[in-house]
């Protein structure tokens, strides 16, 4: 439960955007020109039209899913707000045979900036929430 009304509203938005993504809609993660994204499938990009198209293309690889968000931490300071949470989901990817379900759990940090038009997402960092591993296993992932 989130006591702060701003964080509660933003967390609801993140949950809605998460459900859209795992059902093939990347539009909620179209960031402004000055935005940044460190996406769950790797790499990074700045906001704007190219990133918006890339988000739509990547999200289209999800056929369907069901998920939720688990709030861990967050705060506000002036016109900035941040959230740290876990996105948990069971998804079907378009590359898999119909009916193949996969775990898709991400650890996420998002930053928002308040403007005259409301809160706008300016940064998203999401990467797979993997089970704890030995350092030697993690190092092999980076090779």
Protein backbone atom coordinates (compact mmCIF):
# COMPACT_ATOMS: atom_id res chain seq x y z
CA UNK A 1 0.00 0.00 0.00
CA UNK A 2 1.24 3.46 -0.92
CA UNK A 3 0.15 6.29 1.38
CA UNK A 4 1.27 9.19 -0.84
CA UNK A 5 -1.53 10.06 -3.32
CA UNK A 6 0.92 11.10 -6.06
CA UNK A 7 2.89 7.85 -5.78
CA UNK A 8 -0.33 5.85 -5.62
CA UNK A 9 -1.57 7.48 -8.83
CA UNK A 10 1.76 6.92 -10.59
CA UNK A 11 1.93 3.30 -9.43
CA UNK A 12 -1.56 2.69 -10.82
CA UNK A 13 -0.38 4.20 -14.10
CA UNK A 14 2.71 1.94 -14.08
CA UNK A 15 0.50 -1.10 -13.48
CA UNK A 16 -1.77 -0.10 -16.37
CA UNK A 17 1.24 0.52 -18.65
CA UNK A 18 2.75 -2.82 -17.61
CA UNK A 19 -0.46 -4.64 -18.56
CA UNK A 20 -0.50 -2.83 -21.92
CA UNK A 21 3.11 -3.85 -22.64
CA UNK A 22 2.63 -7.53 -21.86
CA UNK A 23 -0.38 -7.47 -24.19
CA UNK A 24 1.64 -6.07 -27.11
CA UNK A 25 1.16 -2.30 -26.70
CA UNK A 26 4.37 -0.29 -26.24
CA UNK A 27 2.72 3.14 -26.59
CA UNK A 28 2.75 3.92 -22.85
CA UNK A 29 6.56 3.86 -22.87
CA UNK A 30 6.98 6.51 -25.54
CA UNK A 31 9.25 8.99 -23.77
CA UNK A 32 9.86 12.69 -24.39
CA UNK A 33 13.00 13.76 -26.29
CA UNK A 34 14.87 14.28 -23.02
CA UNK A 35 13.78 10.90 -21.63
CA UNK A 36 15.93 7.79 -21.28
CA UNK A 37 15.17 4.11 -21.19
CA UNK A 38 17.27 1.15 -20.15
CA UNK A 39 14.99 -1.59 -21.42
CA UNK A 40 14.47 -5.11 -20.22
CA UNK A 41 15.74 -6.65 -23.46
CA UNK A 42 19.02 -4.76 -23.24
CA UNK A 43 20.61 -1.64 -24.54
CA UNK A 44 19.55 1.93 -23.90
CA UNK A 45 18.04 4.81 -25.80
CA UNK A 46 16.93 8.38 -25.49
CA UNK A 47 13.31 9.42 -25.94
CA UNK A 48 11.67 10.73 -29.07
CA UNK A 49 10.20 9.25 -32.22
CA UNK A 50 12.88 6.58 -32.81
CA UNK A 51 12.51 5.22 -29.29
CA UNK A 52 8.71 5.33 -29.53
CA UNK A 53 8.83 3.19 -32.68
CA UNK A 54 11.33 0.81 -31.09
CA UNK A 55 9.07 0.43 -28.02
CA UNK A 56 6.08 -0.41 -30.23
CA UNK A 57 8.16 -2.92 -32.23
CA UNK A 58 9.55 -4.69 -29.15
CA UNK A 59 6.17 -4.80 -27.36
CA UNK A 60 4.57 -6.35 -30.44
CA UNK A 61 6.57 -9.51 -29.65
CA UNK A 62 4.27 -10.14 -26.66
CA UNK A 63 1.07 -11.95 -27.59
CA UNK A 64 -0.67 -11.64 -24.23
CA UNK A 65 -0.02 -11.61 -20.54
CA UNK A 66 -1.34 -11.10 -17.07
CA UNK A 67 0.61 -9.29 -14.41
CA UNK A 68 0.88 -6.94 -11.48
CA UNK A 69 3.29 -4.52 -9.85
CA UNK A 70 4.75 -4.82 -6.36
CA UNK A 71 5.73 -1.48 -4.82
CA UNK A 72 9.11 -1.43 -3.09
CA UNK A 73 9.98 2.24 -2.62
CA UNK A 74 9.34 5.71 -3.95
CA UNK A 75 9.24 9.37 -3.17
CA UNK A 76 8.58 12.86 -4.36
CA UNK A 77 10.63 16.02 -4.15
CA UNK A 78 9.21 19.12 -5.75
CA UNK A 79 8.39 18.31 -9.37
CA UNK A 80 10.15 14.93 -9.36
CA UNK A 81 8.79 11.55 -8.36
CA UNK A 82 10.40 8.12 -8.43
CA UNK A 83 9.17 4.59 -7.99
CA UNK A 84 10.97 1.31 -7.46
CA UNK A 85 8.89 -1.82 -7.98
CA UNK A 86 8.74 -5.35 -9.32
CA UNK A 87 6.67 -6.13 -12.40
CA UNK A 88 5.46 -9.72 -12.20
CA UNK A 89 3.84 -11.40 -15.16
CA UNK A 90 3.05 -14.57 -16.98
CA UNK A 91 3.25 -13.93 -20.71
CA UNK A 92 2.99 -15.54 -24.10
CA UNK A 93 5.51 -14.36 -26.68
CA UNK A 94 4.59 -14.27 -30.36
CA UNK A 95 7.68 -16.36 -31.24
CA UNK A 96 6.48 -19.25 -29.05
CA UNK A 97 3.81 -21.79 -29.91
CA UNK A 98 0.33 -20.61 -28.91
CA UNK A 99 -0.34 -21.33 -25.24
CA UNK A 100 3.33 -21.36 -24.14
CA UNK A 101 3.51 -19.31 -20.95
CA UNK A 102 6.67 -17.74 -19.57
CA UNK A 103 7.60 -15.95 -16.39
CA UNK A 104 8.38 -12.27 -17.11
CA UNK A 105 9.41 -10.57 -13.88
CA UNK A 106 11.30 -7.28 -13.99
CA UNK A 107 12.89 -5.01 -11.42
CA UNK A 108 12.00 -1.46 -12.33
CA UNK A 109 12.92 2.12 -11.46
CA UNK A 110 10.93 4.94 -13.01
CA UNK A 111 11.34 8.71 -12.70
CA UNK A 112 8.60 11.23 -13.43
CA UNK A 113 8.66 15.01 -13.88
CA UNK A 114 5.59 17.13 -13.17
CA UNK A 115 4.70 19.57 -15.94
CA UNK A 116 1.69 21.77 -16.59
CA UNK A 117 0.18 18.74 -18.38
CA UNK A 118 0.68 16.34 -15.47
CA UNK A 119 3.33 13.78 -14.60
CA UNK A 120 5.48 12.67 -17.52
CA UNK A 121 7.76 9.66 -17.42
CA UNK A 122 11.35 10.75 -18.12
CA UNK A 123 13.29 7.60 -17.24
CA UNK A 124 12.62 3.86 -17.08
CA UNK A 125 15.10 1.20 -16.11
CA UNK A 126 13.76 -2.35 -16.25
CA UNK A 127 15.72 -5.56 -16.24
CA UNK A 128 14.90 -9.19 -15.58
CA UNK A 129 14.44 -10.09 -11.94
CA UNK A 130 16.61 -13.16 -11.89
CA UNK A 131 16.99 -15.49 -9.00
CA UNK A 132 20.15 -14.94 -6.97
CA UNK A 133 23.19 -16.46 -8.64
CA UNK A 134 26.82 -16.99 -7.85
CA UNK A 135 29.10 -14.22 -9.11
CA UNK A 136 30.78 -16.68 -11.48
CA UNK A 137 27.43 -17.32 -13.21
CA UNK A 138 26.70 -13.62 -13.56
CA UNK A 139 30.14 -12.99 -15.05
CA UNK A 140 29.44 -15.63 -17.72
CA UNK A 141 26.32 -13.69 -18.76
CA UNK A 142 28.52 -10.72 -19.60
CA UNK A 143 30.90 -12.66 -21.83
